[in-house]
């Protein structure tokens, strides 16, 4: 999957809180994935109406086969910058909230990447704000459309380089993921496309783009298919 960007969700009038309140449980780890391998440049392309129902079922099976449960699956519209094509592309994808530890999360993402012929699959694990493992931020902002993200990428070369793209829920909530040091770039991008940073939600964690390089046996793939049934 192309490098996905995911938005930030933290509120407080003029300050943005990062991390989780003391004693509050961290959100489940997330997997951002798609089965799309095409370059889609027309926002009216009918493939962007696919709800990825079968894909959702298959990924849930892979998660179960790795010992986890999918607690939520969210349909996303993505806009991503292709440096090779020098243009933005569109993509339908899903975000899976899962009960997997670090090793199982990586193994699951690798299997998804290999099975659906993706260059890589993005994972995000939420961490306490003071954790030494923190290397990324996730930002969620209400009231932003996929078209706004697309136009913002066209207009902002720095954002194209740092973010690569972004995802938006069907309820117009942008999800942007970036390196922790690139939070100022995310903030400027949100402002430039008309988002309200005061209503943004920012969480810290660690991200990884996982390829399908790990070997998966035929027996394991059969197990995934049975779990998806």
Protein backbone atom coordinates (compact mmCIF):
# COMPACT_ATOMS: atom_id res chain seq x y z
CA UNK A 1 0.00 0.00 0.00
CA UNK A 2 1.24 3.47 -0.71
CA UNK A 3 2.48 5.43 2.24
CA UNK A 4 -0.63 6.34 3.99
CA UNK A 5 -1.12 9.36 6.15
CA UNK A 6 -3.49 9.34 8.99
CA UNK A 7 -5.07 12.27 10.73
CA UNK A 8 -4.80 13.56 14.22
CA UNK A 9 -7.49 13.79 16.90
CA UNK A 10 -6.81 15.87 19.96
CA UNK A 11 -8.76 18.82 21.31
CA UNK A 12 -8.28 21.69 23.67
CA UNK A 13 -8.77 25.20 22.60
CA UNK A 14 -5.34 26.51 21.75
CA UNK A 15 -3.24 23.59 22.88
CA UNK A 16 -3.04 20.12 21.43
CA UNK A 17 -2.60 17.27 23.88
CA UNK A 18 -0.47 14.32 22.84
CA UNK A 19 -0.56 10.86 24.31
CA UNK A 20 -3.13 9.38 26.66
CA UNK A 21 -4.28 10.66 30.01
CA UNK A 22 -2.67 8.94 32.99
CA UNK A 23 -4.39 5.67 33.73
CA UNK A 24 -6.48 5.73 30.53
CA UNK A 25 -6.12 2.64 28.32
CA UNK A 26 -4.39 3.08 24.99
CA UNK A 27 -6.39 2.53 21.79
CA UNK A 28 -5.92 -0.76 19.97
CA UNK A 29 -3.15 -1.03 17.35
CA UNK A 30 -4.24 -0.21 13.80
CA UNK A 31 -3.60 -1.63 10.35
CA UNK A 32 -4.20 0.51 7.25
CA UNK A 33 -4.59 -1.62 4.16
CA UNK A 34 -6.22 -2.01 0.75
CA UNK A 35 -6.53 -4.60 -2.00
CA UNK A 36 -6.16 -1.95 -4.70
CA UNK A 37 -3.20 -2.15 -7.08
CA UNK A 38 -4.42 0.33 -9.71
CA UNK A 39 -3.54 3.99 -10.22
CA UNK A 40 -6.84 5.91 -9.95
CA UNK A 41 -6.73 9.59 -10.87
CA UNK A 42 -10.43 10.29 -11.48
CA UNK A 43 -12.34 11.05 -8.24
CA UNK A 44 -15.52 9.84 -10.00
CA UNK A 45 -14.04 6.41 -10.78
CA UNK A 46 -16.64 3.77 -9.79
CA UNK A 47 -13.93 1.69 -8.09
CA UNK A 48 -13.89 4.33 -5.36
CA UNK A 49 -17.42 3.28 -4.39
CA UNK A 50 -16.29 -0.26 -3.47
CA UNK A 51 -17.02 -0.88 0.22
CA UNK A 52 -14.34 -3.61 0.33
CA UNK A 53 -16.69 -6.07 2.04
CA UNK A 54 -14.89 -9.24 0.89
CA UNK A 55 -11.51 -7.64 1.70
CA UNK A 56 -12.77 -6.79 5.18
CA UNK A 57 -13.79 -10.40 5.75
CA UNK A 58 -10.47 -11.78 4.51
CA UNK A 59 -8.39 -9.44 6.67
CA UNK A 60 -10.45 -10.33 9.74
CA UNK A 61 -9.59 -13.95 9.01
CA UNK A 62 -5.88 -13.16 8.83
CA UNK A 63 -6.09 -11.30 12.14
CA UNK A 64 -7.84 -14.27 13.79
CA UNK A 65 -5.27 -16.69 12.41
CA UNK A 66 -2.59 -14.63 14.14
CA UNK A 67 -4.37 -14.78 17.48
CA UNK A 68 -6.19 -11.45 17.43
CA UNK A 69 -9.63 -9.94 17.02
CA UNK A 70 -10.70 -7.03 14.83
CA UNK A 71 -12.59 -4.69 17.15
CA UNK A 72 -13.45 -2.19 14.41
CA UNK A 73 -13.09 -1.83 10.64
CA UNK A 74 -13.43 1.65 9.13
CA UNK A 75 -13.87 2.37 5.41
CA UNK A 76 -11.56 5.15 4.16
CA UNK A 77 -11.11 7.33 1.10
CA UNK A 78 -7.47 8.11 0.48
CA UNK A 79 -5.57 10.64 -1.59
CA UNK A 80 -1.88 9.99 -2.14
CA UNK A 81 0.94 11.64 -4.02
CA UNK A 82 2.78 9.51 -6.57
CA UNK A 83 6.30 10.80 -7.15
CA UNK A 84 6.63 8.49 -10.15
CA UNK A 85 3.43 9.76 -11.77
CA UNK A 86 3.83 13.32 -10.44
CA UNK A 87 0.14 13.41 -9.59
CA UNK A 88 -2.28 12.50 -6.85
CA UNK A 89 -4.05 9.17 -6.88
CA UNK A 90 -7.18 7.98 -5.07
CA UNK A 91 -7.76 4.77 -3.18
CA UNK A 92 -10.37 2.99 -1.09
CA UNK A 93 -8.93 1.32 1.98
CA UNK A 94 -9.82 0.17 5.47
CA UNK A 95 -8.46 0.79 8.93
CA UNK A 96 -8.54 -2.26 11.20
CA UNK A 97 -8.37 -1.85 14.98
CA UNK A 98 -6.92 -5.12 16.27
CA UNK A 99 -5.94 -6.92 19.48
CA UNK A 100 -2.42 -7.96 18.45
CA UNK A 101 0.96 -7.59 20.11
CA UNK A 102 3.89 -6.03 18.27
CA UNK A 103 5.20 -9.24 16.70
CA UNK A 104 1.76 -10.51 15.66
CA UNK A 105 0.86 -7.08 14.26
CA UNK A 106 3.94 -7.11 12.04
CA UNK A 107 3.33 -10.68 10.91
CA UNK A 108 -0.32 -9.92 10.10
CA UNK A 109 0.59 -6.81 8.11
CA UNK A 110 3.24 -8.76 6.20
CA UNK A 111 0.70 -11.42 5.25
CA UNK A 112 -1.83 -8.80 4.10
CA UNK A 113 0.86 -7.10 2.02
CA UNK A 114 1.86 -10.36 0.35
CA UNK A 115 -1.65 -11.75 -0.16
CA UNK A 116 -3.00 -8.56 -1.73
CA UNK A 117 0.17 -7.65 -3.66
CA UNK A 118 0.83 -4.41 -1.79
CA UNK A 119 4.23 -2.73 -1.66
CA UNK A 120 3.69 -2.29 2.08
CA UNK A 121 1.01 -2.06 4.75
CA UNK A 122 1.01 0.67 7.40
CA UNK A 123 0.67 -0.17 11.09
CA UNK A 124 0.35 2.23 14.01
CA UNK A 125 0.72 1.34 17.69
CA UNK A 126 -0.35 3.93 20.25
CA UNK A 127 2.14 4.60 23.05
CA UNK A 128 2.34 6.78 26.16
CA UNK A 129 3.55 10.25 25.17
CA UNK A 130 6.77 9.83 27.16
CA UNK A 131 7.64 6.40 25.74
CA UNK A 132 11.15 6.21 24.23
CA UNK A 133 9.63 4.19 21.36
CA UNK A 134 7.55 7.13 20.10
CA UNK A 135 8.52 8.05 16.54
CA UNK A 136 5.20 9.08 14.97
CA UNK A 137 1.99 11.01 15.48
CA UNK A 138 -1.53 10.29 14.36
CA UNK A 139 -3.80 13.26 13.76
CA UNK A 140 -7.57 13.20 13.29
CA UNK A 141 -9.47 16.29 12.15
CA UNK A 142 -13.22 16.52 11.61
CA UNK A 143 -14.75 18.35 8.67
CA UNK A 144 -12.17 17.57 5.95
CA UNK A 145 -12.94 15.84 2.66
CA UNK A 146 -10.75 13.64 0.48
CA UNK A 147 -10.88 16.36 -2.20
CA UNK A 148 -9.43 18.88 0.26
CA UNK A 149 -6.59 16.49 1.05
CA UNK A 150 -5.97 15.97 -2.68
CA UNK A 151 -5.85 19.70 -3.41
CA UNK A 152 -3.64 20.29 -0.40
CA UNK A 153 -1.11 17.77 -1.68
CA UNK A 154 -1.11 19.43 -5.09
CA UNK A 155 -0.46 22.82 -3.53
CA UNK A 156 2.10 21.89 -0.87
CA UNK A 157 5.36 20.27 -1.94
CA UNK A 158 6.59 19.94 1.66
CA UNK A 159 3.44 18.10 2.71
CA UNK A 160 3.75 15.79 -0.29
CA UNK A 161 7.25 14.87 0.83
CA UNK A 162 6.56 14.50 4.55
CA UNK A 163 3.04 13.04 4.50
CA UNK A 164 2.71 11.37 1.15
CA UNK A 165 -1.06 11.40 1.47
CA UNK A 166 -3.98 11.12 3.83
CA UNK A 167 -7.14 9.17 4.53
CA UNK A 168 -10.66 10.39 5.23
CA UNK A 169 -13.61 8.52 6.73
CA UNK A 170 -17.04 8.61 5.09
CA UNK A 171 -17.99 11.06 7.85
CA UNK A 172 -15.27 13.48 6.63
CA UNK A 173 -12.75 12.91 9.39
CA UNK A 174 -9.19 13.15 8.10
CA UNK A 175 -6.58 10.75 9.45
CA UNK A 176 -2.97 11.79 8.98
CA UNK A 177 0.16 9.96 10.14
CA UNK A 178 3.65 11.38 10.12
CA UNK A 179 6.99 11.25 11.87
CA UNK A 180 6.89 12.86 15.30
CA UNK A 181 9.27 15.62 14.16
CA UNK A 182 6.94 16.49 11.27
CA UNK A 183 4.02 17.55 13.46
CA UNK A 184 4.50 21.24 12.48
CA UNK A 185 4.14 20.21 8.82
CA UNK A 186 0.91 18.37 9.61
CA UNK A 187 -0.40 21.39 11.51
CA UNK A 188 0.36 23.73 8.60
CA UNK A 189 -1.21 21.29 6.12
CA UNK A 190 -4.43 21.06 8.15
CA UNK A 191 -4.67 24.85 8.35
CA UNK A 192 -3.96 25.30 4.63
CA UNK A 193 -6.77 22.94 3.58
CA UNK A 194 -9.31 24.60 5.85
CA UNK A 195 -9.21 22.36 8.91
CA UNK A 196 -9.60 23.61 12.48
CA UNK A 197 -6.45 22.65 14.37
CA UNK A 198 -8.08 23.59 17.69
CA UNK A 199 -10.36 20.58 17.20
CA UNK A 200 -7.60 18.24 16.07
CA UNK A 201 -6.82 15.14 18.10
CA UNK A 202 -3.16 14.18 18.27
CA UNK A 203 -1.84 10.89 19.60
CA UNK A 204 1.70 9.59 19.78
CA UNK A 205 2.91 6.13 18.88
CA UNK A 206 5.11 4.18 16.52
CA UNK A 207 4.51 3.42 12.86
CA UNK A 208 5.87 0.87 10.44
CA UNK A 209 5.48 0.17 6.73
CA UNK A 210 5.54 -3.62 6.57
CA UNK A 211 6.29 -5.46 3.34
CA UNK A 212 5.30 -8.99 2.43
CA UNK A 213 8.87 -10.28 2.50
CA UNK A 214 8.21 -12.83 5.25
CA UNK A 215 7.57 -16.32 3.97
CA UNK A 216 4.03 -17.65 4.41
CA UNK A 217 3.45 -21.38 4.07
CA UNK A 218 0.56 -22.82 2.01
CA UNK A 219 -0.81 -24.35 5.24
CA UNK A 220 -0.92 -20.93 6.88
CA UNK A 221 -2.66 -19.36 3.89
CA UNK A 222 -5.26 -22.14 4.00
CA UNK A 223 -5.82 -21.34 7.67
CA UNK A 224 -6.41 -17.67 6.79
CA UNK A 225 -8.96 -18.65 4.15
CA UNK A 226 -10.82 -20.87 6.62
CA UNK A 227 -10.90 -18.07 9.21
CA UNK A 228 -12.30 -15.68 6.61
CA UNK A 229 -15.15 -18.03 5.70
